[in-house]
Amino acid sequence: MIRSIIFTAALAIAAPAMAQQAAPAPGTTSSATPAAPTSPAATVASIVDSEFPAYDANNDGQLDQSEFSRWMVALKGQEMKATGNTLPAEQVTAWANGAFTSADTDKSVSVSKPELVSYLSGGAG
């Protein structure tokens, strides 16, 4: 579900760019080359790039479990607010711990930006 929210946010961010790619009005010409459509993974990567520093408390370019969990708990909170569903805090914590284990694909006990992008975009890249 959290991936759905990230994907939806990515589409919302990309929508204005896609709208600009519309064909010119009849009788007009356009010499500009339209921008290539943004892939969902690229949009997720953009969101991760902009938000990562806020959660990378020690500025090491990686998210340890505490930093990662803080971000995932915030996302889960947004999801619960949007859906009206709630979970007890211990279930959210357990979910965040499981998410960390899944996202840390190289088992380095930290999550890099590429790992986070891959995790949040469902492995699409």
PDB file of N, CA and C in Angstrom:
ATOM      1  N   MET A   1       0.818  -1.189   0.000  1.00  0.00           N
ATOM      2  CA  MET A   1       0.000   0.000   0.000  1.00  0.00           C
ATOM      3  C   MET A   1       0.862   1.253   0.000  1.00  0.00           C
ATOM      4  N   ILE A   2       1.973   1.225   0.732  1.00  0.00           N
ATOM      5  CA  ILE A   2       2.837   2.402   0.780  1.00  0.00           C
ATOM      6  C   ILE A   2       3.411   2.679  -0.610  1.00  0.00           C
ATOM      7  N   ARG A   3       3.688   1.607  -1.337  1.00  0.00           N
ATOM      8  CA  ARG A   3       4.186   1.782  -2.706  1.00  0.00           C
ATOM      9  C   ARG A   3       3.119   2.438  -3.571  1.00  0.00           C
ATOM     10  N   SER A   4       1.857   2.122  -3.325  1.00  0.00           N
ATOM     11  CA  SER A   4       0.765   2.740  -4.071  1.00  0.00           C
ATOM     12  C   SER A   4       0.724   4.233  -3.825  1.00  0.00           C
ATOM     13  N   ILE A   5       0.938   4.635  -2.583  1.00  0.00           N
ATOM     14  CA  ILE A   5       0.930   6.064  -2.262  1.00  0.00           C
ATOM     15  C   ILE A   5       2.113   6.759  -2.932  1.00  0.00           C
ATOM     16  N   ILE A   6       3.290   6.143  -2.890  1.00  0.00           N
ATOM     17  CA  ILE A   6       4.457   6.726  -3.545  1.00  0.00           C
ATOM     18  C   ILE A   6       4.201   6.827  -5.039  1.00  0.00           C
ATOM     19  N   PHE A   7       3.641   5.772  -5.628  1.00  0.00           N
ATOM     20  CA  PHE A   7       3.362   5.781  -7.057  1.00  0.00           C
ATOM     21  C   PHE A   7       2.353   6.875  -7.393  1.00  0.00           C
ATOM     22  N   THR A   8       1.297   7.006  -6.581  1.00  0.00           N
ATOM     23  CA  THR A   8       0.297   8.046  -6.801  1.00  0.00           C
ATOM     24  C   THR A   8       0.916   9.429  -6.680  1.00  0.00           C
ATOM     25  N   ALA A   9       1.758   9.619  -5.674  1.00  0.00           N
ATOM     26  CA  ALA A   9       2.443  10.904  -5.518  1.00  0.00           C
ATOM     27  C   ALA A   9       3.336  11.179  -6.716  1.00  0.00           C
ATOM     28  N   ALA A  10       4.007  10.142  -7.197  1.00  0.00           N
ATOM     29  CA  ALA A  10       4.878  10.294  -8.360  1.00  0.00           C
ATOM     30  C   ALA A  10       4.067  10.722  -9.582  1.00  0.00           C
ATOM     31  N   LEU A  11       2.915  10.114  -9.763  1.00  0.00           N
ATOM     32  CA  LEU A  11       2.073  10.497 -10.896  1.00  0.00           C
ATOM     33  C   LEU A  11       1.557  11.928 -10.752  1.00  0.00           C
ATOM     34  N   ALA A  12       1.217  12.308  -9.536  1.00  0.00           N
ATOM     35  CA  ALA A  12       0.737  13.670  -9.312  1.00  0.00           C
ATOM     36  C   ALA A  12       1.820  14.695  -9.629  1.00  0.00           C
ATOM     37  N   ILE A  13       3.046  14.357  -9.295  1.00  0.00           N
ATOM     38  CA  ILE A  13       4.158  15.258  -9.588  1.00  0.00           C
ATOM     39  C   ILE A  13       4.432  15.289 -11.084  1.00  0.00           C
ATOM     40  N   ALA A  14       4.291  14.152 -11.746  1.00  0.00           N
ATOM     41  CA  ALA A  14       4.593  14.063 -13.174  1.00  0.00           C
ATOM     42  C   ALA A  14       3.471  14.607 -14.048  1.00  0.00           C
ATOM     43  N   ALA A  15       2.252  14.717 -13.537  1.00  0.00           N
ATOM     44  CA  ALA A  15       1.110  15.139 -14.341  1.00  0.00           C
ATOM     45  C   ALA A  15       1.329  16.471 -15.047  1.00  0.00           C
ATOM     46  N   PRO A  16       1.832  17.509 -14.378  1.00  0.00           N
ATOM     47  CA  PRO A  16       2.044  18.769 -15.099  1.00  0.00           C
ATOM     48  C   PRO A  16       3.024  18.620 -16.263  1.00  0.00           C
ATOM     49  N   ALA A  17       4.048  17.817 -16.096  1.00  0.00           N
ATOM     50  CA  ALA A  17       5.009  17.604 -17.177  1.00  0.00           C
ATOM     51  C   ALA A  17       4.352  16.882 -18.340  1.00  0.00           C
ATOM     52  N   MET A  18       3.487  15.916 -18.032  1.00  0.00           N
ATOM     53  CA  MET A  18       2.801  15.188 -19.098  1.00  0.00           C
ATOM     54  C   MET A  18       1.810  16.098 -19.812  1.00  0.00           C
ATOM     55  N   ALA A  19       1.176  16.996 -19.085  1.00  0.00           N
ATOM     56  CA  ALA A  19       0.222  17.917 -19.690  1.00  0.00           C
ATOM     57  C   ALA A  19       0.909  18.865 -20.658  1.00  0.00           C
ATOM     58  N   GLN A  20       2.136  19.221 -20.389  1.00  0.00           N
ATOM     59  CA  GLN A  20       2.880  20.114 -21.264  1.00  0.00           C
ATOM     60  C   GLN A  20       3.246  19.448 -22.571  1.00  0.00           C
ATOM     61  N   GLN A  21       3.124  18.147 -22.652  1.00  0.00           N
ATOM     62  CA  GLN A  21       3.482  17.419 -23.855  1.00  0.00           C
ATOM     63  C   GLN A  21       2.316  17.327 -24.838  1.00  0.00           C
ATOM     64  N   ALA A  22       1.209  17.979 -24.554  1.00  0.00           N
ATOM     65  CA  ALA A  22       0.047  17.925 -25.428  1.00  0.00           C
ATOM     66  C   ALA A  22       0.392  18.533 -26.786  1.00  0.00           C
ATOM     67  N   ALA A  23      -0.330  18.099 -27.810  1.00  0.00           N
ATOM     68  CA  ALA A  23      -0.101  18.607 -29.162  1.00  0.00           C
ATOM     69  C   ALA A  23      -0.429  20.090 -29.217  1.00  0.00           C
ATOM     70  N   PRO A  24       0.300  20.852 -30.055  1.00  0.00           N
ATOM     71  CA  PRO A  24       0.000  22.281 -30.172  1.00  0.00           C
ATOM     72  C   PRO A  24      -1.385  22.494 -30.774  1.00  0.00           C
ATOM     73  N   ALA A  25      -1.959  23.642 -30.496  1.00  0.00           N
ATOM     74  CA  ALA A  25      -3.279  23.975 -31.010  1.00  0.00           C
ATOM     75  C   ALA A  25      -3.232  24.011 -32.532  1.00  0.00           C
ATOM     76  N   PRO A  26      -4.349  23.689 -33.186  1.00  0.00           N
ATOM     77  CA  PRO A  26      -4.373  23.725 -34.654  1.00  0.00           C
ATOM     78  C   PRO A  26      -3.952  25.104 -35.166  1.00  0.00           C
ATOM     79  N   GLY A  27      -3.162  25.090 -36.213  1.00  0.00           N
ATOM     80  CA  GLY A  27      -2.711  26.346 -36.812  1.00  0.00           C
ATOM     81  C   GLY A  27      -1.444  26.896 -36.194  1.00  0.00           C
ATOM     82  N   THR A  28      -0.923  26.238 -35.162  1.00  0.00           N
ATOM     83  CA  THR A  28       0.319  26.699 -34.556  1.00  0.00           C
ATOM     84  C   THR A  28       1.385  25.644 -34.783  1.00  0.00           C
ATOM     85  N   THR A  29       2.608  26.090 -34.714  1.00  0.00           N
ATOM     86  CA  THR A  29       3.712  25.154 -34.848  1.00  0.00           C
ATOM     87  C   THR A  29       4.567  25.240 -33.606  1.00  0.00           C
ATOM     88  N   SER A  30       5.221  24.175 -33.344  1.00  0.00           N
ATOM     89  CA  SER A  30       6.086  24.145 -32.176  1.00  0.00           C
ATOM     90  C   SER A  30       7.434  23.612 -32.600  1.00  0.00           C
ATOM     91  N   SER A  31       8.478  24.397 -32.341  1.00  0.00           N
ATOM     92  CA  SER A  31       9.815  23.951 -32.695  1.00  0.00           C
ATOM     93  C   SER A  31      10.484  23.258 -31.519  1.00  0.00           C
ATOM     94  N   ALA A  32       9.851  23.314 -30.367  1.00  0.00           N
ATOM     95  CA  ALA A  32      10.430  22.685 -29.178  1.00  0.00           C
ATOM     96  C   ALA A  32      10.241  21.182 -29.246  1.00  0.00           C
ATOM     97  N   THR A  33      11.232  20.459 -28.808  1.00  0.00           N
ATOM     98  CA  THR A  33      11.138  19.015 -28.738  1.00  0.00           C
ATOM     99  C   THR A  33      10.455  18.656 -27.433  1.00  0.00           C
ATOM    100  N   PRO A  34       9.388  17.851 -27.505  1.00  0.00           N
ATOM    101  CA  PRO A  34       8.704  17.506 -26.255  1.00  0.00           C
ATOM    102  C   PRO A  34       9.612  16.663 -25.362  1.00  0.00           C
ATOM    103  N   ALA A  35       9.456  16.870 -24.075  1.00  0.00           N
ATOM    104  CA  ALA A  35      10.237  16.109 -23.105  1.00  0.00           C
ATOM    105  C   ALA A  35       9.744  14.668 -23.086  1.00  0.00           C
ATOM    106  N   ALA A  36      10.650  13.758 -22.823  1.00  0.00           N
ATOM    107  CA  ALA A  36      10.276  12.353 -22.713  1.00  0.00           C
ATOM    108  C   ALA A  36       9.432  12.158 -21.460  1.00  0.00           C
ATOM    109  N   PRO A  37       8.438  11.270 -21.521  1.00  0.00           N
ATOM    110  CA  PRO A  37       7.624  11.029 -20.330  1.00  0.00           C
ATOM    111  C   PRO A  37       8.494  10.502 -19.184  1.00  0.00           C
ATOM    112  N   THR A  38       8.154  10.914 -17.993  1.00  0.00           N
ATOM    113  CA  THR A  38       8.896  10.486 -16.819  1.00  0.00           C
ATOM    114  C   THR A  38       8.353   9.144 -16.355  1.00  0.00           C
ATOM    115  N   SER A  39       9.254   8.200 -16.126  1.00  0.00           N
ATOM    116  CA  SER A  39       8.822   6.897 -15.636  1.00  0.00           C
ATOM    117  C   SER A  39       8.498   7.005 -14.151  1.00  0.00           C
ATOM    118  N   PRO A  40       7.627   6.142 -13.648  1.00  0.00           N
ATOM    119  CA  PRO A  40       7.327   6.174 -12.213  1.00  0.00           C
ATOM    120  C   PRO A  40       8.583   6.002 -11.363  1.00  0.00           C
ATOM    121  N   ALA A  41       9.495   5.115 -11.783  1.00  0.00           N
ATOM    122  CA  ALA A  41      10.726   4.912 -11.010  1.00  0.00           C
ATOM    123  C   ALA A  41      11.565   6.189 -10.991  1.00  0.00           C
ATOM    124  N   ALA A  42      11.591   6.923 -12.104  1.00  0.00           N
ATOM    125  CA  ALA A  42      12.346   8.178 -12.146  1.00  0.00           C
ATOM    126  C   ALA A  42      11.706   9.218 -11.236  1.00  0.00           C
ATOM    127  N   THR A  43      10.391   9.224 -11.180  1.00  0.00           N
ATOM    128  CA  THR A  43       9.701  10.162 -10.305  1.00  0.00           C
ATOM    129  C   THR A  43       9.938   9.800  -8.845  1.00  0.00           C
ATOM    130  N   VAL A  44       9.900   8.510  -8.529  1.00  0.00           N
ATOM    131  CA  VAL A  44      10.203   8.067  -7.165  1.00  0.00           C
ATOM    132  C   VAL A  44      11.627   8.468  -6.819  1.00  0.00           C
ATOM    133  N   ALA A  45      12.554   8.285  -7.766  1.00  0.00           N
ATOM    134  CA  ALA A  45      13.954   8.674  -7.538  1.00  0.00           C
ATOM    135  C   ALA A  45      14.068  10.160  -7.244  1.00  0.00           C
ATOM    136  N   SER A  46      13.288  10.971  -7.937  1.00  0.00           N
ATOM    137  CA  SER A  46      13.299  12.415  -7.698  1.00  0.00           C
ATOM    138  C   SER A  46      12.796  12.745  -6.294  1.00  0.00           C
ATOM    139  N   ILE A  47      11.745  12.071  -5.879  1.00  0.00           N
ATOM    140  CA  ILE A  47      11.207  12.286  -4.530  1.00  0.00           C
ATOM    141  C   ILE A  47      12.234  11.850  -3.485  1.00  0.00           C
ATOM    142  N   VAL A  48      12.848  10.691  -3.706  1.00  0.00           N
ATOM    143  CA  VAL A  48      13.861  10.205  -2.770  1.00  0.00           C
ATOM    144  C   VAL A  48      15.022  11.191  -2.698  1.00  0.00           C
ATOM    145  N   ASP A  49      15.479  11.688  -3.853  1.00  0.00           N
ATOM    146  CA  ASP A  49      16.579  12.668  -3.859  1.00  0.00           C
ATOM    147  C   ASP A  49      16.240  13.911  -3.040  1.00  0.00           C
ATOM    148  N   SER A  50      15.020  14.382  -3.168  1.00  0.00           N
ATOM    149  CA  SER A  50      14.659  15.606  -2.454  1.00  0.00           C
ATOM    150  C   SER A  50      14.399  15.381  -0.968  1.00  0.00           C
ATOM    151  N   GLU A  51      13.874  14.216  -0.600  1.00  0.00           N
ATOM    152  CA  GLU A  51      13.521  13.953   0.798  1.00  0.00           C
ATOM    153  C   GLU A  51      14.631  13.275   1.601  1.00  0.00           C
ATOM    154  N   PHE A  52      15.543  12.589   0.935  1.00  0.00           N
ATOM    155  CA  PHE A  52      16.575  11.797   1.608  1.00  0.00           C
ATOM    156  C   PHE A  52      17.355  12.596   2.657  1.00  0.00           C
ATOM    157  N   PRO A  53      17.811  13.808   2.343  1.00  0.00           N
ATOM    158  CA  PRO A  53      18.591  14.551   3.347  1.00  0.00           C
ATOM    159  C   PRO A  53      17.837  14.818   4.653  1.00  0.00           C
ATOM    160  N   ALA A  54      16.534  14.935   4.581  1.00  0.00           N
ATOM    161  CA  ALA A  54      15.743  15.196   5.786  1.00  0.00           C
ATOM    162  C   ALA A  54      15.748  14.005   6.742  1.00  0.00           C
ATOM    163  N   TYR A  55      15.962  12.806   6.210  1.00  0.00           N
ATOM    164  CA  TYR A  55      15.937  11.602   7.036  1.00  0.00           C
ATOM    165  C   TYR A  55      17.327  11.035   7.311  1.00  0.00           C
ATOM    166  N   ASP A  56      18.314  11.448   6.532  1.00  0.00           N
ATOM    167  CA  ASP A  56      19.694  10.992   6.732  1.00  0.00           C
ATOM    168  C   ASP A  56      20.331  11.873   7.802  1.00  0.00           C
ATOM    169  N   ALA A  57      19.988  11.605   9.048  1.00  0.00           N
ATOM    170  CA  ALA A  57      20.371  12.471  10.168  1.00  0.00           C
ATOM    171  C   ALA A  57      21.881  12.629  10.321  1.00  0.00           C
ATOM    172  N   ASN A  58      22.646  11.577  10.054  1.00  0.00           N
ATOM    173  CA  ASN A  58      24.100  11.679  10.225  1.00  0.00           C
ATOM    174  C   ASN A  58      24.826  12.029   8.924  1.00  0.00           C
ATOM    175  N   ASN A  59      24.070  12.327   7.876  1.00  0.00           N
ATOM    176  CA  ASN A  59      24.614  12.776   6.586  1.00  0.00           C
ATOM    177  C   ASN A  59      25.670  11.846   6.009  1.00  0.00           C
ATOM    178  N   ASP A  60      25.451  10.526   6.148  1.00  0.00           N
ATOM    179  CA  ASP A  60      26.427   9.580   5.606  1.00  0.00           C
ATOM    180  C   ASP A  60      26.015   9.007   4.251  1.00  0.00           C
ATOM    181  N   GLY A  61      24.904   9.482   3.704  1.00  0.00           N
ATOM    182  CA  GLY A  61      24.454   9.005   2.408  1.00  0.00           C
ATOM    183  C   GLY A  61      23.735   7.670   2.452  1.00  0.00           C
ATOM    184  N   GLN A  62      23.492   7.168   3.635  1.00  0.00           N
ATOM    185  CA  GLN A  62      22.795   5.897   3.848  1.00  0.00           C
ATOM    186  C   GLN A  62      21.747   6.110   4.947  1.00  0.00           C
ATOM    187  N   LEU A  63      20.740   5.274   4.950  1.00  0.00           N
ATOM    188  CA  LEU A  63      19.767   5.309   6.046  1.00  0.00           C
ATOM    189  C   LEU A  63      19.980   4.088   6.916  1.00  0.00           C
ATOM    190  N   ASP A  64      20.286   4.324   8.198  1.00  0.00           N
ATOM    191  CA  ASP A  64      20.347   3.188   9.111  1.00  0.00           C
ATOM    192  C   ASP A  64      18.902   2.815   9.453  1.00  0.00           C
ATOM    193  N   GLN A  65      18.720   1.798  10.258  1.00  0.00           N
ATOM    194  CA  GLN A  65      17.362   1.326  10.526  1.00  0.00           C
ATOM    195  C   GLN A  65      16.501   2.399  11.192  1.00  0.00           C
ATOM    196  N   SER A  66      17.080   3.164  12.093  1.00  0.00           N
ATOM    197  CA  SER A  66      16.323   4.209  12.771  1.00  0.00           C
ATOM    198  C   SER A  66      15.885   5.303  11.793  1.00  0.00           C
ATOM    199  N   GLU A  67      16.795   5.744  10.944  1.00  0.00           N
ATOM    200  CA  GLU A  67      16.482   6.793   9.969  1.00  0.00           C
ATOM    201  C   GLU A  67      15.433   6.296   8.969  1.00  0.00           C
ATOM    202  N   PHE A  68      15.637   5.085   8.471  1.00  0.00           N
ATOM    203  CA  PHE A  68      14.706   4.487   7.514  1.00  0.00           C
ATOM    204  C   PHE A  68      13.323   4.340   8.150  1.00  0.00           C
ATOM    205  N   SER A  69      13.286   3.820   9.380  1.00  0.00           N
ATOM    206  CA  SER A  69      12.003   3.608  10.057  1.00  0.00           C
ATOM    207  C   SER A  69      11.257   4.910  10.274  1.00  0.00           C
ATOM    208  N   ARG A  70      11.990   5.974  10.606  1.00  0.00           N
ATOM    209  CA  ARG A  70      11.336   7.274  10.791  1.00  0.00           C
ATOM    210  C   ARG A  70      10.618   7.698   9.509  1.00  0.00           C
ATOM    211  N   TRP A  71      11.278   7.499   8.365  1.00  0.00           N
ATOM    212  CA  TRP A  71      10.682   7.863   7.078  1.00  0.00           C
ATOM    213  C   TRP A  71       9.478   6.976   6.771  1.00  0.00           C
ATOM    214  N   MET A  72       9.634   5.672   6.962  1.00  0.00           N
ATOM    215  CA  MET A  72       8.545   4.747   6.641  1.00  0.00           C
ATOM    216  C   MET A  72       7.343   4.951   7.562  1.00  0.00           C
ATOM    217  N   VAL A  73       7.590   5.239   8.830  1.00  0.00           N
ATOM    218  CA  VAL A  73       6.492   5.507   9.763  1.00  0.00           C
ATOM    219  C   VAL A  73       5.749   6.776   9.328  1.00  0.00           C
ATOM    220  N   ALA A  74       6.478   7.776   8.864  1.00  0.00           N
ATOM    221  CA  ALA A  74       5.837   9.000   8.364  1.00  0.00           C
ATOM    222  C   ALA A  74       4.979   8.686   7.134  1.00  0.00           C
ATOM    223  N   LEU A  75       5.504   7.874   6.215  1.00  0.00           N
ATOM    224  CA  LEU A  75       4.729   7.490   5.034  1.00  0.00           C
ATOM    225  C   LEU A  75       3.508   6.667   5.420  1.00  0.00           C
ATOM    226  N   LYS A  76       3.694   5.756   6.356  1.00  0.00           N
ATOM    227  CA  LYS A  76       2.570   4.920   6.812  1.00  0.00           C
ATOM    228  C   LYS A  76       1.508   5.803   7.466  1.00  0.00           C
ATOM    229  N   GLY A  77       1.945   6.816   8.218  1.00  0.00           N
ATOM    230  CA  GLY A  77       1.000   7.755   8.820  1.00  0.00           C
ATOM    231  C   GLY A  77       0.189   8.487   7.766  1.00  0.00           C
ATOM    232  N   GLN A  78       0.851   8.897   6.677  1.00  0.00           N
ATOM    233  CA  GLN A  78       0.135   9.561   5.578  1.00  0.00           C
ATOM    234  C   GLN A  78      -0.862   8.602   4.934  1.00  0.00           C
ATOM    235  N   GLU A  79      -0.430   7.352   4.755  1.00  0.00           N
ATOM    236  CA  GLU A  79      -1.314   6.344   4.174  1.00  0.00           C
ATOM    237  C   GLU A  79      -2.537   6.124   5.056  1.00  0.00           C
ATOM    238  N   MET A  80      -2.310   5.983   6.362  1.00  0.00           N
ATOM    239  CA  MET A  80      -3.433   5.741   7.274  1.00  0.00           C
ATOM    240  C   MET A  80      -4.385   6.930   7.296  1.00  0.00           C
ATOM    241  N   LYS A  81      -3.841   8.123   7.237  1.00  0.00           N
ATOM    242  CA  LYS A  81      -4.684   9.321   7.213  1.00  0.00           C
ATOM    243  C   LYS A  81      -5.514   9.354   5.928  1.00  0.00           C
ATOM    244  N   ALA A  82      -4.885   9.009   4.801  1.00  0.00           N
ATOM    245  CA  ALA A  82      -5.579   9.040   3.515  1.00  0.00           C
ATOM    246  C   ALA A  82      -6.656   7.969   3.410  1.00  0.00           C
ATOM    247  N   THR A  83      -6.399   6.798   3.992  1.00  0.00           N
ATOM    248  CA  THR A  83      -7.354   5.686   3.871  1.00  0.00           C
ATOM    249  C   THR A  83      -8.335   5.608   5.029  1.00  0.00           C
ATOM    250  N   GLY A  84      -8.019   6.277   6.129  1.00  0.00           N
ATOM    251  CA  GLY A  84      -8.871   6.191   7.304  1.00  0.00           C
ATOM    252  C   GLY A  84      -8.635   4.938   8.129  1.00  0.00           C
ATOM    253  N   ASN A  85      -7.698   4.104   7.690  1.00  0.00           N
ATOM    254  CA  ASN A  85      -7.349   2.890   8.437  1.00  0.00           C
ATOM    255  C   ASN A  85      -6.250   3.224   9.435  1.00  0.00           C
ATOM    256  N   THR A  86      -6.306   2.595  10.577  1.00  0.00           N
ATOM    257  CA  THR A  86      -5.255   2.814  11.567  1.00  0.00           C
ATOM    258  C   THR A  86      -4.706   1.479  12.039  1.00  0.00           C
ATOM    259  N   LEU A  87      -3.471   1.517  12.492  1.00  0.00           N
ATOM    260  CA  LEU A  87      -2.813   0.349  13.071  1.00  0.00           C
ATOM    261  C   LEU A  87      -2.213   0.763  14.401  1.00  0.00           C
ATOM    262  N   PRO A  88      -2.130  -0.164  15.347  1.00  0.00           N
ATOM    263  CA  PRO A  88      -1.438   0.147  16.592  1.00  0.00           C
ATOM    264  C   PRO A  88       0.035   0.443  16.299  1.00  0.00           C
ATOM    265  N   ALA A  89       0.639   1.258  17.141  1.00  0.00           N
ATOM    266  CA  ALA A  89       2.027   1.678  16.954  1.00  0.00           C
ATOM    267  C   ALA A  89       2.981   0.497  16.819  1.00  0.00           C
ATOM    268  N   GLU A  90       2.765  -0.553  17.610  1.00  0.00           N
ATOM    269  CA  GLU A  90       3.673  -1.698  17.535  1.00  0.00           C
ATOM    270  C   GLU A  90       3.577  -2.405  16.188  1.00  0.00           C
ATOM    271  N   GLN A  91       2.410  -2.395  15.555  1.00  0.00           N
ATOM    272  CA  GLN A  91       2.270  -2.994  14.227  1.00  0.00           C
ATOM    273  C   GLN A  91       2.960  -2.137  13.158  1.00  0.00           C
ATOM    274  N   VAL A  92       2.869  -0.836  13.307  1.00  0.00           N
ATOM    275  CA  VAL A  92       3.555   0.068  12.375  1.00  0.00           C
ATOM    276  C   VAL A  92       5.064  -0.126  12.506  1.00  0.00           C
ATOM    277  N   THR A  93       5.546  -0.238  13.741  1.00  0.00           N
ATOM    278  CA  THR A  93       6.977  -0.461  13.978  1.00  0.00           C
ATOM    279  C   THR A  93       7.418  -1.787  13.377  1.00  0.00           C
ATOM    280  N   ALA A  94       6.644  -2.830  13.572  1.00  0.00           N
ATOM    281  CA  ALA A  94       6.974  -4.141  13.008  1.00  0.00           C
ATOM    282  C   ALA A  94       6.983  -4.080  11.484  1.00  0.00           C
ATOM    283  N   TRP A  95       6.030  -3.374  10.912  1.00  0.00           N
ATOM    284  CA  TRP A  95       5.985  -3.211   9.453  1.00  0.00           C
ATOM    285  C   TRP A  95       7.229  -2.477   8.957  1.00  0.00           C
ATOM    286  N   ALA A  96       7.610  -1.395   9.651  1.00  0.00           N
ATOM    287  CA  ALA A  96       8.791  -0.621   9.252  1.00  0.00           C
ATOM    288  C   ALA A  96      10.058  -1.474   9.345  1.00  0.00           C
ATOM    289  N   ASN A  97      10.153  -2.307  10.369  1.00  0.00           N
ATOM    290  CA  ASN A  97      11.308  -3.201  10.507  1.00  0.00           C
ATOM    291  C   ASN A  97      11.372  -4.202   9.351  1.00  0.00           C
ATOM    292  N   GLY A  98      10.236  -4.739   8.982  1.00  0.00           N
ATOM    293  CA  GLY A  98      10.182  -5.656   7.845  1.00  0.00           C
ATOM    294  C   GLY A  98      10.520  -4.951   6.535  1.00  0.00           C
ATOM    295  N   ALA A  99      10.063  -3.711   6.408  1.00  0.00           N
ATOM    296  CA  ALA A  99      10.365  -2.929   5.209  1.00  0.00           C
ATOM    297  C   ALA A  99      11.869  -2.685   5.108  1.00  0.00           C
ATOM    298  N   PHE A 100      12.507  -2.410   6.233  1.00  0.00           N
ATOM    299  CA  PHE A 100      13.957  -2.190   6.239  1.00  0.00           C
ATOM    300  C   PHE A 100      14.681  -3.448   5.762  1.00  0.00           C
ATOM    301  N   THR A 101      14.279  -4.587   6.278  1.00  0.00           N
ATOM    302  CA  THR A 101      14.902  -5.851   5.879  1.00  0.00           C
ATOM    303  C   THR A 101      14.731  -6.082   4.380  1.00  0.00           C
ATOM    304  N   SER A 102      13.559  -5.777   3.848  1.00  0.00           N
ATOM    305  CA  SER A 102      13.308  -5.940   2.416  1.00  0.00           C
ATOM    306  C   SER A 102      14.099  -4.939   1.577  1.00  0.00           C
ATOM    307  N   ALA A 103      14.172  -3.708   2.032  1.00  0.00           N
ATOM    308  CA  ALA A 103      14.850  -2.659   1.259  1.00  0.00           C
ATOM    309  C   ALA A 103      16.361  -2.826   1.261  1.00  0.00           C
ATOM    310  N   ASP A 104      16.915  -3.367   2.342  1.00  0.00           N
ATOM    311  CA  ASP A 104      18.373  -3.534   2.462  1.00  0.00           C
ATOM    312  C   ASP A 104      18.804  -4.785   1.691  1.00  0.00           C
ATOM    313  N   THR A 105      18.766  -4.687   0.370  1.00  0.00           N
ATOM    314  CA  THR A 105      19.015  -5.862  -0.471  1.00  0.00           C
ATOM    315  C   THR A 105      20.445  -6.372  -0.402  1.00  0.00           C
ATOM    316  N   ASP A 106      21.411  -5.492  -0.113  1.00  0.00           N
ATOM    317  CA  ASP A 106      22.804  -5.950  -0.031  1.00  0.00           C
ATOM    318  C   ASP A 106      23.198  -6.364   1.385  1.00  0.00           C
ATOM    319  N   LYS A 107      22.233  -6.293   2.302  1.00  0.00           N
ATOM    320  CA  LYS A 107      22.417  -6.709   3.703  1.00  0.00           C
ATOM    321  C   LYS A 107      23.595  -5.997   4.377  1.00  0.00           C
ATOM    322  N   SER A 108      23.732  -4.694   4.075  1.00  0.00           N
ATOM    323  CA  SER A 108      24.805  -3.877   4.653  1.00  0.00           C
ATOM    324  C   SER A 108      24.378  -3.203   5.951  1.00  0.00           C
ATOM    325  N   VAL A 109      23.174  -3.459   6.399  1.00  0.00           N
ATOM    326  CA  VAL A 109      22.576  -2.869   7.595  1.00  0.00           C
ATOM    327  C   VAL A 109      22.367  -1.358   7.408  1.00  0.00           C
ATOM    328  N   SER A 110      22.206  -0.957   6.156  1.00  0.00           N
ATOM    329  CA  SER A 110      21.822   0.409   5.823  1.00  0.00           C
ATOM    330  C   SER A 110      21.161   0.370   4.452  1.00  0.00           C
ATOM    331  N   VAL A 111      20.383   1.396   4.155  1.00  0.00           N
ATOM    332  CA  VAL A 111      19.676   1.461   2.884  1.00  0.00           C
ATOM    333  C   VAL A 111      20.196   2.669   2.111  1.00  0.00           C
ATOM    334  N   SER A 112      20.697   2.400   0.912  1.00  0.00           N
ATOM    335  CA  SER A 112      21.196   3.464   0.036  1.00  0.00           C
ATOM    336  C   SER A 112      20.037   4.068  -0.751  1.00  0.00           C
ATOM    337  N   LYS A 113      20.296   5.190  -1.411  1.00  0.00           N
ATOM    338  CA  LYS A 113      19.263   5.787  -2.257  1.00  0.00           C
ATOM    339  C   LYS A 113      18.786   4.806  -3.323  1.00  0.00           C
ATOM    340  N   PRO A 114      19.704   4.137  -4.059  1.00  0.00           N
ATOM    341  CA  PRO A 114      19.218   3.190  -5.074  1.00  0.00           C
ATOM    342  C   PRO A 114      18.372   2.059  -4.484  1.00  0.00           C
ATOM    343  N   GLU A 115      18.751   1.564  -3.316  1.00  0.00           N
ATOM    344  CA  GLU A 115      17.950   0.511  -2.677  1.00  0.00           C
ATOM    345  C   GLU A 115      16.565   1.046  -2.317  1.00  0.00           C
ATOM    346  N   LEU A 116      16.514   2.265  -1.811  1.00  0.00           N
ATOM    347  CA  LEU A 116      15.237   2.856  -1.417  1.00  0.00           C
ATOM    348  C   LEU A 116      14.350   3.083  -2.635  1.00  0.00           C
ATOM    349  N   VAL A 117      14.929   3.600  -3.707  1.00  0.00           N
ATOM    350  CA  VAL A 117      14.155   3.816  -4.930  1.00  0.00           C
ATOM    351  C   VAL A 117      13.605   2.487  -5.441  1.00  0.00           C
ATOM    352  N   SER A 118      14.448   1.474  -5.476  1.00  0.00           N
ATOM    353  CA  SER A 118      14.015   0.157  -5.934  1.00  0.00           C
ATOM    354  C   SER A 118      12.896  -0.383  -5.048  1.00  0.00           C
ATOM    355  N   TYR A 119      13.047  -0.248  -3.745  1.00  0.00           N
ATOM    356  CA  TYR A 119      12.027  -0.738  -2.820  1.00  0.00           C
ATOM    357  C   TYR A 119      10.701   0.000  -3.021  1.00  0.00           C
ATOM    358  N   LEU A 120      10.755   1.327  -3.055  1.00  0.00           N
ATOM    359  CA  LEU A 120       9.529   2.121  -3.149  1.00  0.00           C
ATOM    360  C   LEU A 120       8.854   2.021  -4.517  1.00  0.00           C
ATOM    361  N   SER A 121       9.620   1.711  -5.538  1.00  0.00           N
ATOM    362  CA  SER A 121       9.013   1.572  -6.864  1.00  0.00           C
ATOM    363  C   SER A 121       8.716   0.109  -7.184  1.00  0.00           C
ATOM    364  N   GLY A 122       8.775  -0.736  -6.194  1.00  0.00           N
ATOM    365  CA  GLY A 122       8.419  -2.129  -6.363  1.00  0.00           C
ATOM    366  C   GLY A 122       9.402  -2.921  -7.200  1.00  0.00           C
ATOM    367  N   GLY A 123      10.652  -2.484  -7.219  1.00  0.00           N
ATOM    368  CA  GLY A 123      11.685  -3.192  -7.981  1.00  0.00           C
ATOM    369  C   GLY A 123      11.754  -2.768  -9.423  1.00  0.00           C
ATOM    370  N   ALA A 124      10.819  -1.905  -9.866  1.00  0.00           N
ATOM    371  CA  ALA A 124      10.875  -1.423 -11.251  1.00  0.00           C
ATOM    372  C   ALA A 124      11.988  -0.408 -11.365  1.00  0.00           C
ATOM    373  N   GLY A 125      12.692  -0.433 -12.439  1.00  0.00           N
ATOM    374  CA  GLY A 125      13.774   0.534 -12.564  1.00  0.00           C
ATOM    375  C   GLY A 125      14.083   0.872 -13.883  1.00  0.00           C
TER     376      GLY A 125
END
